[in-house]
C-alpha atoms as a PDB file:
ATOM      1  CA  MET A   1      15.017 107.494 158.252  1.00  0.00           C
ATOM      2  CA  SER A   2      17.794 106.679 160.698  1.00  0.00           C
ATOM      3  CA  ASN A   3      19.942 103.586 160.461  1.00  0.00           C
ATOM      4  CA  PRO A   4      18.335 101.716 163.430  1.00  0.00           C
ATOM      5  CA  ASN A   5      14.877 102.319 161.925  1.00  0.00           C
ATOM      6  CA  LYS A   6      16.042 100.919 158.592  1.00  0.00           C
ATOM      7  CA  ILE A   7      17.381  97.833 160.340  1.00  0.00           C
ATOM      8  CA  ILE A   8      14.126  97.292 162.245  1.00  0.00           C
ATOM      9  CA  LEU A   9      12.038  97.798 159.121  1.00  0.00           C
ATOM     10  CA  GLY A  10      14.287  95.391 157.209  1.00  0.00           C
ATOM     11  CA  LEU A  11      13.961  92.742 159.913  1.00  0.00           C
ATOM     12  CA  VAL A  12      10.184  93.107 160.009  1.00  0.00           C
ATOM     13  CA  GLY A  13      10.038  92.833 156.214  1.00  0.00           C
ATOM     14  CA  ALA A  14      12.295  89.788 156.180  1.00  0.00           C
ATOM     15  CA  ALA A  15      10.205  88.139 158.890  1.00  0.00           C
ATOM     16  CA  ALA A  16       7.038  88.809 156.895  1.00  0.00           C
ATOM     17  CA  VAL A  17       8.542  87.267 153.773  1.00  0.00           C
ATOM     18  CA  GLY A  18       9.722  84.270 155.790  1.00  0.00           C
ATOM     19  CA  VAL A  19       6.275  83.723 157.231  1.00  0.00           C
ATOM     20  CA  VAL A  20       4.610  83.925 153.827  1.00  0.00           C
ATOM     21  CA  VAL A  21       7.114  81.512 152.260  1.00  0.00           C
ATOM     22  CA  GLY A  22       6.712  79.112 155.178  1.00  0.00           C
ATOM     23  CA  ILE A  23       2.940  79.189 154.904  1.00  0.00           C
ATOM     24  CA  LEU A  24       3.023  78.706 151.139  1.00  0.00           C
ATOM     25  CA  LEU A  25       5.219  75.638 151.514  1.00  0.00           C
ATOM     26  CA  ALA A  26       3.014  74.128 154.229  1.00  0.00           C
ATOM     27  CA  PRO A  27       0.940  71.116 153.146  1.00  0.00           C
ATOM     28  CA  GLU A  28      -2.524  72.624 153.686  1.00  0.00           C
ATOM     29  CA  LYS A  29      -5.558  73.501 151.612  1.00  0.00           C
ATOM     30  CA  GLY A  30      -5.455  76.747 149.632  1.00  0.00           C
ATOM     31  CA  GLY A  31      -8.283  78.395 151.579  1.00  0.00           C
ATOM     32  CA  GLU A  32      -6.577  77.717 154.892  1.00  0.00           C
ATOM     33  CA  ILE A  33      -3.278  79.089 153.594  1.00  0.00           C
ATOM     34  CA  ARG A  34      -4.912  82.262 152.253  1.00  0.00           C
ATOM     35  CA  LYS A  35      -6.632  82.826 155.608  1.00  0.00           C
ATOM     36  CA  LYS A  36      -3.347  82.392 157.489  1.00  0.00           C
ATOM     37  CA  ILE A  37      -1.591  84.814 155.138  1.00  0.00           C
ATOM     38  CA  ALA A  38      -4.363  87.384 155.524  1.00  0.00           C
ATOM     39  CA  ASP A  39      -4.357  87.046 159.321  1.00  0.00           C
ATOM     40  CA  ARG A  40      -0.579  87.357 159.535  1.00  0.00           C
ATOM     41  CA  ALA A  41      -0.531  90.312 157.129  1.00  0.00           C
ATOM     42  CA  THR A  42      -3.080  92.067 159.331  1.00  0.00           C
ATOM     43  CA  ASP A  43      -0.928  91.431 162.399  1.00  0.00           C
ATOM     44  CA  ILE A  44       2.190  92.727 160.662  1.00  0.00           C
ATOM     45  CA  ALA A  45       0.402  95.823 159.334  1.00  0.00           C
ATOM     46  CA  SER A  46      -0.876  96.569 162.829  1.00  0.00           C
ATOM     47  CA  HIS A  47       2.619  96.197 164.288  1.00  0.00           C
ATOM     48  CA  ILE A  48       4.136  98.443 161.628  1.00  0.00           C
ATOM     49  CA  GLY A  49       1.443 101.040 162.334  1.00  0.00           C
ATOM     50  CA  GLU A  50       2.336 100.948 166.024  1.00  0.00           C
ATOM     51  CA  LEU A  51       6.046 101.375 165.210  1.00  0.00           C
ATOM     52  CA  ILE A  52       5.288 104.344 162.947  1.00  0.00           C
ATOM     53  CA  ASN A  53       3.116 106.009 165.584  1.00  0.00           C
ATOM     54  CA  SER A  54       5.770 105.453 168.236  1.00  0.00           C
ATOM     55  CA  GLY A  55       8.451 106.948 165.985  1.00  0.00           C
ATOM     56  CA  LYS A  56       6.220 109.891 165.162  1.00  0.00           C
ATOM     57  CA  GLU A  57       5.573 110.577 168.854  1.00  0.00           C
ATOM     58  CA  LYS A  58       9.290 110.360 169.661  1.00  0.00           C
ATOM     59  CA  GLY A  59      10.091 112.698 166.762  1.00  0.00           C
ATOM     60  CA  GLU A  60       7.511 115.221 167.927  1.00  0.00           C
ATOM     61  CA  GLU A  61       8.829 114.995 171.486  1.00  0.00           C
ATOM     62  CA  THR A  62      12.398 115.507 170.305  1.00  0.00           C
ATOM     63  CA  ALA A  63      11.393 118.483 168.163  1.00  0.00           C
ATOM     64  CA  LYS A  64       9.498 119.969 171.123  1.00  0.00           C
ATOM     65  CA  ASN A  65      12.513 119.549 173.422  1.00  0.00           C
ATOM     66  CA  MET A  66      14.808 121.209 170.870  1.00  0.00           C
ATOM     67  CA  ALA A  67      12.601 124.292 170.614  1.00  0.00           C
END
């Protein structure tokens, strides 16, 4: 994994942790908090999947251009 990808992945991970901590410290009912965490985790997982697919496509394109 290249350095820029590590930085992006680190930022996404740090943002996810920040969101979870913020939600856990919010003064709401447990069920509401769990729903927010689940919704946000789904959003983050979707975004990470998109980043992985984009990186995979770019890698394949680069490999194709080198051949």
